Amino acid sequence: MSEENETPKKEGGLETIIPVITTTEIAGMTVKVNRLRFRETIALWRVIASASKHTNLNIGALNSESILSVLIMALPYAERELLDFIKTILEVPSEEVTRKLYMHIDKKLENAEVLNILEIIIEQEKDSWAELGKQLAHLGEVFQRSFKPNPGQS
């Protein structure tokens, strides 16, 4: 795994953070592990939702220490969702490499490769997990309220 440091930069009075660029090797290919953006976050929510359906997971208590356990607990229930999440988080230089990478992920992904990718993501997003847990808990509450029958309805 190689990594470039975050560097605060002043622009027009606002502080901007230059994102960390992290790469890893999978099946002899160097791939970039992206930060969570919208698509990646939705894919991750699918994994966590699958785990919470089958376990006593308290998603409101999600944090940087618990997220790896949550993702590992999700494996028996959300293998496809986790593989799809991994595909969304990785960036490769060409369509040909993407096809080779996706074939490897679908057929031959090693345990160590999965753990390495998850550990990179967890480290990159370490300041975001508690907020993500709160968002997921709130969405769960909204979902539950929206499906409760109104008083007097059968």
N, C-alpha and C. Protein backbone atom coordinates (compact mmCIF):
# COMPACT_ATOMS: atom_id res chain seq x y z
N MET A 1 0.85 -1.17 0.00
CA MET A 1 0.00 0.00 0.00
C MET A 1 0.89 1.22 0.00
N SER A 2 0.63 2.16 -0.91
CA SER A 2 1.36 3.41 -0.90
C SER A 2 0.38 4.53 -0.61
N GLU A 3 0.89 5.61 -0.06
CA GLU A 3 -0.01 6.65 0.38
C GLU A 3 0.66 8.00 0.26
N GLU A 4 -0.09 9.02 -0.13
CA GLU A 4 0.38 10.39 -0.10
C GLU A 4 -0.32 11.08 1.05
N ASN A 5 0.38 11.98 1.73
CA ASN A 5 -0.17 12.65 2.90
C ASN A 5 -1.18 13.71 2.53
N GLU A 6 -2.14 13.96 3.47
CA GLU A 6 -3.07 15.07 3.29
C GLU A 6 -2.32 16.36 3.58
N THR A 7 -2.55 17.36 2.78
CA THR A 7 -1.89 18.64 2.96
C THR A 7 -2.92 19.74 3.00
N PRO A 8 -3.08 20.43 4.16
CA PRO A 8 -4.00 21.56 4.18
C PRO A 8 -3.47 22.66 3.27
N LYS A 9 -4.35 23.31 2.55
CA LYS A 9 -3.95 24.35 1.62
C LYS A 9 -4.93 25.51 1.73
N LYS A 10 -4.43 26.72 1.87
CA LYS A 10 -5.29 27.90 1.97
C LYS A 10 -5.61 28.41 0.58
N GLU A 11 -6.89 28.59 0.29
CA GLU A 11 -7.32 29.17 -0.97
C GLU A 11 -8.47 30.12 -0.68
N GLY A 12 -8.24 31.39 -0.89
CA GLY A 12 -9.30 32.37 -0.70
C GLY A 12 -9.85 32.38 0.71
N GLY A 13 -9.01 32.14 1.71
CA GLY A 13 -9.45 32.15 3.10
C GLY A 13 -10.05 30.85 3.57
N LEU A 14 -10.30 29.92 2.67
CA LEU A 14 -10.87 28.63 3.06
C LEU A 14 -9.78 27.58 3.05
N GLU A 15 -9.84 26.67 4.00
CA GLU A 15 -8.86 25.58 4.04
C GLU A 15 -9.41 24.41 3.25
N THR A 16 -8.62 23.92 2.33
CA THR A 16 -9.01 22.75 1.54
C THR A 16 -8.05 21.63 1.88
N ILE A 17 -8.54 20.41 1.85
CA ILE A 17 -7.68 19.26 2.09
C ILE A 17 -7.48 18.54 0.76
N ILE A 18 -6.24 18.33 0.41
CA ILE A 18 -5.93 17.54 -0.78
C ILE A 18 -6.09 16.08 -0.37
N PRO A 19 -6.94 15.33 -1.05
CA PRO A 19 -7.24 13.98 -0.58
C PRO A 19 -6.05 13.04 -0.65
N VAL A 20 -6.07 12.07 0.26
CA VAL A 20 -5.07 11.02 0.28
C VAL A 20 -5.30 10.12 -0.94
N ILE A 21 -4.24 9.80 -1.63
CA ILE A 21 -4.33 8.85 -2.74
C ILE A 21 -3.69 7.56 -2.25
N THR A 22 -4.49 6.53 -2.11
CA THR A 22 -4.01 5.25 -1.63
C THR A 22 -4.15 4.22 -2.73
N THR A 23 -3.09 3.45 -2.93
CA THR A 23 -3.14 2.39 -3.93
C THR A 23 -2.82 1.07 -3.25
N THR A 24 -3.24 -0.02 -3.90
CA THR A 24 -2.93 -1.35 -3.42
C THR A 24 -2.79 -2.26 -4.63
N GLU A 25 -2.23 -3.41 -4.41
CA GLU A 25 -2.05 -4.40 -5.48
C GLU A 25 -3.12 -5.48 -5.34
N ILE A 26 -3.78 -5.77 -6.45
CA ILE A 26 -4.73 -6.88 -6.50
C ILE A 26 -4.43 -7.64 -7.79
N ALA A 27 -4.11 -8.91 -7.64
CA ALA A 27 -3.82 -9.77 -8.80
C ALA A 27 -2.79 -9.13 -9.72
N GLY A 28 -1.77 -8.54 -9.15
CA GLY A 28 -0.70 -7.94 -9.94
C GLY A 28 -1.05 -6.60 -10.57
N MET A 29 -2.22 -6.06 -10.25
CA MET A 29 -2.65 -4.77 -10.80
C MET A 29 -2.63 -3.73 -9.68
N THR A 30 -2.10 -2.56 -9.98
CA THR A 30 -2.14 -1.47 -9.02
C THR A 30 -3.47 -0.75 -9.19
N VAL A 31 -4.22 -0.64 -8.09
CA VAL A 31 -5.53 0.02 -8.14
C VAL A 31 -5.59 1.11 -7.09
N LYS A 32 -6.32 2.16 -7.40
CA LYS A 32 -6.53 3.25 -6.46
C LYS A 32 -7.77 2.92 -5.63
N VAL A 33 -7.68 3.14 -4.33
CA VAL A 33 -8.82 2.94 -3.44
C VAL A 33 -9.39 4.33 -3.15
N ASN A 34 -10.58 4.60 -3.71
CA ASN A 34 -11.20 5.91 -3.57
C ASN A 34 -11.79 6.14 -2.19
N ARG A 35 -12.00 7.40 -1.88
CA ARG A 35 -12.77 7.78 -0.70
C ARG A 35 -14.24 7.48 -0.97
N LEU A 36 -15.04 7.42 0.07
CA LEU A 36 -16.47 7.19 -0.10
C LEU A 36 -17.12 8.42 -0.72
N ARG A 37 -17.76 8.21 -1.84
CA ARG A 37 -18.59 9.23 -2.47
C ARG A 37 -20.01 8.68 -2.43
N PHE A 38 -20.93 9.29 -3.15
CA PHE A 38 -22.32 8.90 -3.07
C PHE A 38 -22.54 7.43 -3.44
N ARG A 39 -22.07 7.01 -4.63
CA ARG A 39 -22.29 5.62 -5.08
C ARG A 39 -21.68 4.63 -4.11
N GLU A 40 -20.47 4.94 -3.63
CA GLU A 40 -19.78 4.04 -2.72
C GLU A 40 -20.52 3.94 -1.39
N THR A 41 -21.04 5.08 -0.93
CA THR A 41 -21.77 5.10 0.33
C THR A 41 -23.05 4.28 0.22
N ILE A 42 -23.77 4.41 -0.89
CA ILE A 42 -24.99 3.61 -1.10
C ILE A 42 -24.65 2.12 -1.13
N ALA A 43 -23.58 1.76 -1.83
CA ALA A 43 -23.15 0.35 -1.89
C ALA A 43 -22.79 -0.16 -0.49
N LEU A 44 -22.12 0.69 0.29
CA LEU A 44 -21.77 0.30 1.66
C LEU A 44 -23.03 0.15 2.52
N TRP A 45 -24.00 1.02 2.36
CA TRP A 45 -25.25 0.91 3.10
C TRP A 45 -25.93 -0.42 2.84
N ARG A 46 -25.86 -0.89 1.59
CA ARG A 46 -26.46 -2.20 1.27
C ARG A 46 -25.81 -3.32 2.08
N VAL A 47 -24.50 -3.25 2.20
CA VAL A 47 -23.76 -4.27 2.97
C VAL A 47 -24.18 -4.20 4.43
N ILE A 48 -24.18 -3.01 4.99
CA ILE A 48 -24.51 -2.83 6.41
C ILE A 48 -25.96 -3.21 6.68
N ALA A 49 -26.86 -2.85 5.78
CA ALA A 49 -28.28 -3.21 5.94
C ALA A 49 -28.46 -4.73 5.95
N SER A 50 -27.73 -5.43 5.10
CA SER A 50 -27.81 -6.89 5.08
C SER A 50 -27.33 -7.47 6.40
N ALA A 51 -26.24 -6.93 6.92
CA ALA A 51 -25.72 -7.42 8.20
C ALA A 51 -26.71 -7.14 9.32
N SER A 52 -27.31 -5.96 9.32
CA SER A 52 -28.21 -5.59 10.42
C SER A 52 -29.51 -6.39 10.38
N LYS A 53 -29.91 -6.87 9.19
CA LYS A 53 -31.11 -7.70 9.09
C LYS A 53 -30.93 -9.03 9.79
N HIS A 54 -29.70 -9.54 9.80
CA HIS A 54 -29.44 -10.90 10.28
C HIS A 54 -28.71 -10.95 11.62
N THR A 55 -28.38 -9.81 12.17
CA THR A 55 -27.65 -9.77 13.44
C THR A 55 -28.29 -8.72 14.35
N ASN A 56 -27.80 -8.62 15.56
CA ASN A 56 -28.27 -7.60 16.49
C ASN A 56 -27.42 -6.35 16.39
N LEU A 57 -27.11 -5.96 15.19
CA LEU A 57 -26.24 -4.83 14.93
C LEU A 57 -26.93 -3.52 15.27
N ASN A 58 -26.26 -2.69 16.07
CA ASN A 58 -26.75 -1.36 16.38
C ASN A 58 -26.02 -0.38 15.46
N ILE A 59 -26.63 -0.06 14.32
CA ILE A 59 -25.94 0.77 13.35
C ILE A 59 -25.71 2.19 13.86
N GLY A 60 -26.48 2.61 14.85
CA GLY A 60 -26.26 3.93 15.43
C GLY A 60 -24.95 4.02 16.20
N ALA A 61 -24.40 2.87 16.58
CA ALA A 61 -23.14 2.85 17.33
C ALA A 61 -21.94 2.60 16.42
N LEU A 62 -22.13 2.73 15.13
CA LEU A 62 -21.06 2.50 14.16
C LEU A 62 -19.93 3.50 14.39
N ASN A 63 -18.69 3.00 14.40
CA ASN A 63 -17.52 3.88 14.53
C ASN A 63 -16.33 3.21 13.87
N SER A 64 -15.20 3.89 13.90
CA SER A 64 -14.02 3.38 13.19
C SER A 64 -13.51 2.07 13.78
N GLU A 65 -13.82 1.79 15.05
CA GLU A 65 -13.38 0.53 15.66
C GLU A 65 -14.32 -0.62 15.31
N SER A 66 -15.60 -0.34 15.10
CA SER A 66 -16.57 -1.41 14.88
C SER A 66 -16.83 -1.74 13.42
N ILE A 67 -16.46 -0.85 12.50
CA ILE A 67 -16.87 -1.03 11.11
C ILE A 67 -16.28 -2.30 10.48
N LEU A 68 -15.03 -2.64 10.78
CA LEU A 68 -14.46 -3.86 10.19
C LEU A 68 -15.23 -5.09 10.65
N SER A 69 -15.58 -5.15 11.93
CA SER A 69 -16.38 -6.26 12.44
C SER A 69 -17.73 -6.33 11.75
N VAL A 70 -18.34 -5.18 11.54
CA VAL A 70 -19.64 -5.13 10.87
C VAL A 70 -19.52 -5.70 9.45
N LEU A 71 -18.49 -5.26 8.73
CA LEU A 71 -18.32 -5.73 7.35
C LEU A 71 -18.01 -7.23 7.30
N ILE A 72 -17.24 -7.72 8.25
CA ILE A 72 -16.95 -9.16 8.29
C ILE A 72 -18.21 -9.94 8.65
N MET A 73 -19.01 -9.42 9.60
CA MET A 73 -20.28 -10.08 9.97
C MET A 73 -21.23 -10.11 8.78
N ALA A 74 -21.12 -9.14 7.89
CA ALA A 74 -22.03 -9.06 6.74
C ALA A 74 -21.73 -10.12 5.68
N LEU A 75 -20.50 -10.64 5.67
CA LEU A 75 -20.09 -11.54 4.59
C LEU A 75 -21.05 -12.70 4.31
N PRO A 76 -21.51 -13.43 5.33
CA PRO A 76 -22.40 -14.56 5.00
C PRO A 76 -23.73 -14.12 4.39
N TYR A 77 -24.15 -12.89 4.66
CA TYR A 77 -25.45 -12.42 4.22
C TYR A 77 -25.38 -11.47 3.02
N ALA A 78 -24.19 -10.93 2.77
CA ALA A 78 -24.09 -9.87 1.76
C ALA A 78 -22.83 -10.02 0.91
N GLU A 79 -22.50 -11.23 0.54
CA GLU A 79 -21.29 -11.43 -0.26
C GLU A 79 -21.34 -10.61 -1.55
N ARG A 80 -22.44 -10.72 -2.29
CA ARG A 80 -22.57 -10.00 -3.56
C ARG A 80 -22.52 -8.49 -3.31
N GLU A 81 -23.21 -8.01 -2.29
CA GLU A 81 -23.22 -6.58 -1.98
C GLU A 81 -21.82 -6.09 -1.62
N LEU A 82 -21.06 -6.91 -0.87
CA LEU A 82 -19.71 -6.51 -0.49
C LEU A 82 -18.79 -6.48 -1.71
N LEU A 83 -18.91 -7.47 -2.58
CA LEU A 83 -18.10 -7.47 -3.80
C LEU A 83 -18.46 -6.28 -4.70
N ASP A 84 -19.75 -5.95 -4.78
CA ASP A 84 -20.16 -4.79 -5.56
C ASP A 84 -19.61 -3.50 -4.94
N PHE A 85 -19.61 -3.42 -3.61
CA PHE A 85 -19.03 -2.27 -2.93
C PHE A 85 -17.55 -2.14 -3.26
N ILE A 86 -16.83 -3.25 -3.20
CA ILE A 86 -15.40 -3.23 -3.51
C ILE A 86 -15.18 -2.74 -4.95
N LYS A 87 -16.03 -3.19 -5.87
CA LYS A 87 -15.90 -2.74 -7.25
C LYS A 87 -16.10 -1.22 -7.37
N THR A 88 -17.04 -0.67 -6.60
CA THR A 88 -17.29 0.77 -6.71
C THR A 88 -16.16 1.60 -6.11
N ILE A 89 -15.46 1.06 -5.13
CA ILE A 89 -14.46 1.84 -4.40
C ILE A 89 -13.10 1.84 -5.11
N LEU A 90 -12.89 0.88 -6.02
CA LEU A 90 -11.60 0.77 -6.70
C LEU A 90 -11.62 1.53 -8.02
N GLU A 91 -10.50 2.16 -8.32
CA GLU A 91 -10.37 2.89 -9.58
C GLU A 91 -9.15 2.35 -10.31
N VAL A 92 -9.36 2.03 -11.57
CA VAL A 92 -8.27 1.49 -12.40
C VAL A 92 -8.14 2.33 -13.67
N PRO A 93 -6.98 2.23 -14.35
CA PRO A 93 -6.70 3.14 -15.45
C PRO A 93 -7.42 2.89 -16.77
N SER A 94 -7.99 1.71 -17.00
CA SER A 94 -8.59 1.45 -18.31
C SER A 94 -9.71 0.43 -18.20
N GLU A 95 -10.52 0.37 -19.26
CA GLU A 95 -11.61 -0.62 -19.30
C GLU A 95 -11.09 -2.04 -19.28
N GLU A 96 -9.98 -2.27 -19.97
CA GLU A 96 -9.41 -3.62 -20.01
C GLU A 96 -8.99 -4.07 -18.61
N VAL A 97 -8.33 -3.18 -17.88
CA VAL A 97 -7.92 -3.51 -16.51
C VAL A 97 -9.15 -3.68 -15.63
N THR A 98 -10.16 -2.86 -15.85
CA THR A 98 -11.40 -2.98 -15.08
C THR A 98 -12.02 -4.35 -15.29
N ARG A 99 -12.10 -4.81 -16.54
CA ARG A 99 -12.66 -6.15 -16.81
C ARG A 99 -11.85 -7.24 -16.12
N LYS A 100 -10.52 -7.15 -16.21
CA LYS A 100 -9.67 -8.15 -15.55
C LYS A 100 -9.85 -8.11 -14.03
N LEU A 101 -9.90 -6.90 -13.48
CA LEU A 101 -10.07 -6.74 -12.03
C LEU A 101 -11.42 -7.31 -11.59
N TYR A 102 -12.50 -6.96 -12.28
CA TYR A 102 -13.82 -7.44 -11.90
C TYR A 102 -13.90 -8.96 -12.01
N MET A 103 -13.27 -9.53 -13.03
CA MET A 103 -13.26 -10.99 -13.15
C MET A 103 -12.53 -11.60 -11.95
N HIS A 104 -11.42 -10.99 -11.56
CA HIS A 104 -10.67 -11.48 -10.40
C HIS A 104 -11.51 -11.35 -9.13
N ILE A 105 -12.17 -10.21 -8.96
CA ILE A 105 -13.00 -10.01 -7.77
C ILE A 105 -14.11 -11.05 -7.72
N ASP A 106 -14.76 -11.30 -8.85
CA ASP A 106 -15.88 -12.25 -8.87
C ASP A 106 -15.46 -13.70 -8.70
N LYS A 107 -14.24 -14.05 -9.12
CA LYS A 107 -13.84 -15.46 -9.14
C LYS A 107 -12.74 -15.84 -8.15
N LYS A 108 -11.76 -14.95 -7.94
CA LYS A 108 -10.54 -15.38 -7.25
C LYS A 108 -10.08 -14.45 -6.14
N LEU A 109 -10.90 -13.53 -5.69
CA LEU A 109 -10.47 -12.58 -4.68
C LEU A 109 -10.05 -13.32 -3.40
N GLU A 110 -8.87 -13.01 -2.92
CA GLU A 110 -8.32 -13.67 -1.73
C GLU A 110 -8.78 -12.94 -0.46
N ASN A 111 -8.87 -13.69 0.64
CA ASN A 111 -9.24 -13.10 1.93
C ASN A 111 -8.35 -11.92 2.27
N ALA A 112 -7.04 -12.08 2.09
CA ALA A 112 -6.10 -11.01 2.43
C ALA A 112 -6.35 -9.76 1.59
N GLU A 113 -6.75 -9.94 0.32
CA GLU A 113 -7.05 -8.79 -0.54
C GLU A 113 -8.29 -8.04 -0.03
N VAL A 114 -9.32 -8.79 0.35
CA VAL A 114 -10.54 -8.17 0.88
C VAL A 114 -10.21 -7.39 2.15
N LEU A 115 -9.50 -8.03 3.07
CA LEU A 115 -9.16 -7.35 4.33
C LEU A 115 -8.31 -6.12 4.08
N ASN A 116 -7.36 -6.20 3.16
CA ASN A 116 -6.51 -5.06 2.84
C ASN A 116 -7.34 -3.89 2.32
N ILE A 117 -8.25 -4.16 1.39
CA ILE A 117 -9.12 -3.11 0.84
C ILE A 117 -9.97 -2.50 1.94
N LEU A 118 -10.60 -3.36 2.77
CA LEU A 118 -11.46 -2.86 3.84
C LEU A 118 -10.66 -2.03 4.85
N GLU A 119 -9.46 -2.47 5.19
CA GLU A 119 -8.63 -1.71 6.13
C GLU A 119 -8.25 -0.35 5.56
N ILE A 120 -7.95 -0.28 4.27
CA ILE A 120 -7.63 1.00 3.64
C ILE A 120 -8.84 1.94 3.72
N ILE A 121 -10.02 1.43 3.37
CA ILE A 121 -11.23 2.24 3.40
C ILE A 121 -11.52 2.73 4.81
N ILE A 122 -11.39 1.83 5.78
CA ILE A 122 -11.66 2.19 7.17
C ILE A 122 -10.73 3.30 7.62
N GLU A 123 -9.45 3.19 7.29
CA GLU A 123 -8.47 4.21 7.67
C GLU A 123 -8.77 5.54 6.97
N GLN A 124 -9.08 5.49 5.67
CA GLN A 124 -9.36 6.71 4.92
C GLN A 124 -10.56 7.45 5.47
N GLU A 125 -11.54 6.71 5.94
CA GLU A 125 -12.81 7.31 6.37
C GLU A 125 -12.94 7.35 7.89
N LYS A 126 -11.83 7.22 8.61
CA LYS A 126 -11.91 7.05 10.07
C LYS A 126 -12.70 8.15 10.78
N ASP A 127 -12.71 9.34 10.24
CA ASP A 127 -13.45 10.43 10.88
C ASP A 127 -14.92 10.46 10.48
N SER A 128 -15.35 9.58 9.58
CA SER A 128 -16.71 9.62 9.03
C SER A 128 -17.63 8.52 9.55
N TRP A 129 -17.08 7.48 10.18
CA TRP A 129 -17.91 6.31 10.52
C TRP A 129 -19.01 6.63 11.51
N ALA A 130 -18.73 7.41 12.54
CA ALA A 130 -19.76 7.72 13.53
C ALA A 130 -20.90 8.49 12.87
N GLU A 131 -20.58 9.44 11.99
CA GLU A 131 -21.62 10.20 11.27
C GLU A 131 -22.43 9.28 10.37
N LEU A 132 -21.76 8.36 9.68
CA LEU A 132 -22.47 7.41 8.83
C LEU A 132 -23.43 6.55 9.67
N GLY A 133 -22.97 6.12 10.84
CA GLY A 133 -23.83 5.33 11.73
C GLY A 133 -25.07 6.11 12.14
N LYS A 134 -24.90 7.39 12.47
CA LYS A 134 -26.04 8.24 12.84
C LYS A 134 -27.01 8.38 11.66
N GLN A 135 -26.46 8.57 10.46
CA GLN A 135 -27.31 8.71 9.27
C GLN A 135 -28.10 7.43 9.03
N LEU A 136 -27.43 6.29 9.15
CA LEU A 136 -28.11 5.01 8.92
C LEU A 136 -29.19 4.77 9.97
N ALA A 137 -28.89 5.10 11.23
CA ALA A 137 -29.87 4.94 12.30
C ALA A 137 -31.09 5.82 12.03
N HIS A 138 -30.84 7.06 11.62
CA HIS A 138 -31.94 7.98 11.31
C HIS A 138 -32.77 7.45 10.14
N LEU A 139 -32.12 6.97 9.08
CA LEU A 139 -32.85 6.41 7.95
C LEU A 139 -33.70 5.21 8.38
N GLY A 140 -33.14 4.38 9.27
CA GLY A 140 -33.90 3.24 9.78
C GLY A 140 -35.14 3.69 10.54
N GLU A 141 -35.01 4.74 11.35
CA GLU A 141 -36.17 5.27 12.09
C GLU A 141 -37.22 5.82 11.13
N VAL A 142 -36.78 6.56 10.13
CA VAL A 142 -37.72 7.11 9.13
C VAL A 142 -38.43 5.97 8.42
N PHE A 143 -37.69 4.96 8.04
CA PHE A 143 -38.26 3.79 7.36
C PHE A 143 -39.31 3.12 8.24
N GLN A 144 -38.98 2.89 9.52
CA GLN A 144 -39.91 2.24 10.44
C GLN A 144 -41.19 3.07 10.60
N ARG A 145 -41.04 4.39 10.75
CA ARG A 145 -42.21 5.27 10.91
C ARG A 145 -43.09 5.26 9.66
N SER A 146 -42.46 5.19 8.50
CA SER A 146 -43.24 5.28 7.27
C SER A 146 -44.06 4.01 7.01
N PHE A 147 -43.75 2.93 7.68
CA PHE A 147 -44.50 1.70 7.46
C PHE A 147 -45.38 1.31 8.66
N LYS A 148 -45.45 2.17 9.66
CA LYS A 148 -46.37 1.90 10.78
C LYS A 148 -47.78 2.31 10.37
N PRO A 149 -48.76 1.44 10.62
CA PRO A 149 -50.13 1.81 10.26
C PRO A 149 -50.62 2.97 11.12
N ASN A 150 -51.46 3.80 10.53
CA ASN A 150 -52.08 4.90 11.29
C ASN A 150 -53.08 4.31 12.26
N PRO A 151 -53.28 4.95 13.43
CA PRO A 151 -54.27 4.45 14.38
C PRO A 151 -55.65 4.38 13.70
N GLY A 152 -56.35 3.32 13.93
CA GLY A 152 -57.68 3.15 13.35
C GLY A 152 -57.67 2.42 12.02
N GLN A 153 -56.47 2.18 11.44
CA GLN A 153 -56.40 1.43 10.19
C GLN A 153 -56.09 -0.03 10.49
N SER A 154 -56.61 -0.91 9.70
CA SER A 154 -56.35 -2.33 9.89
C SER A 154 -55.29 -2.80 8.96
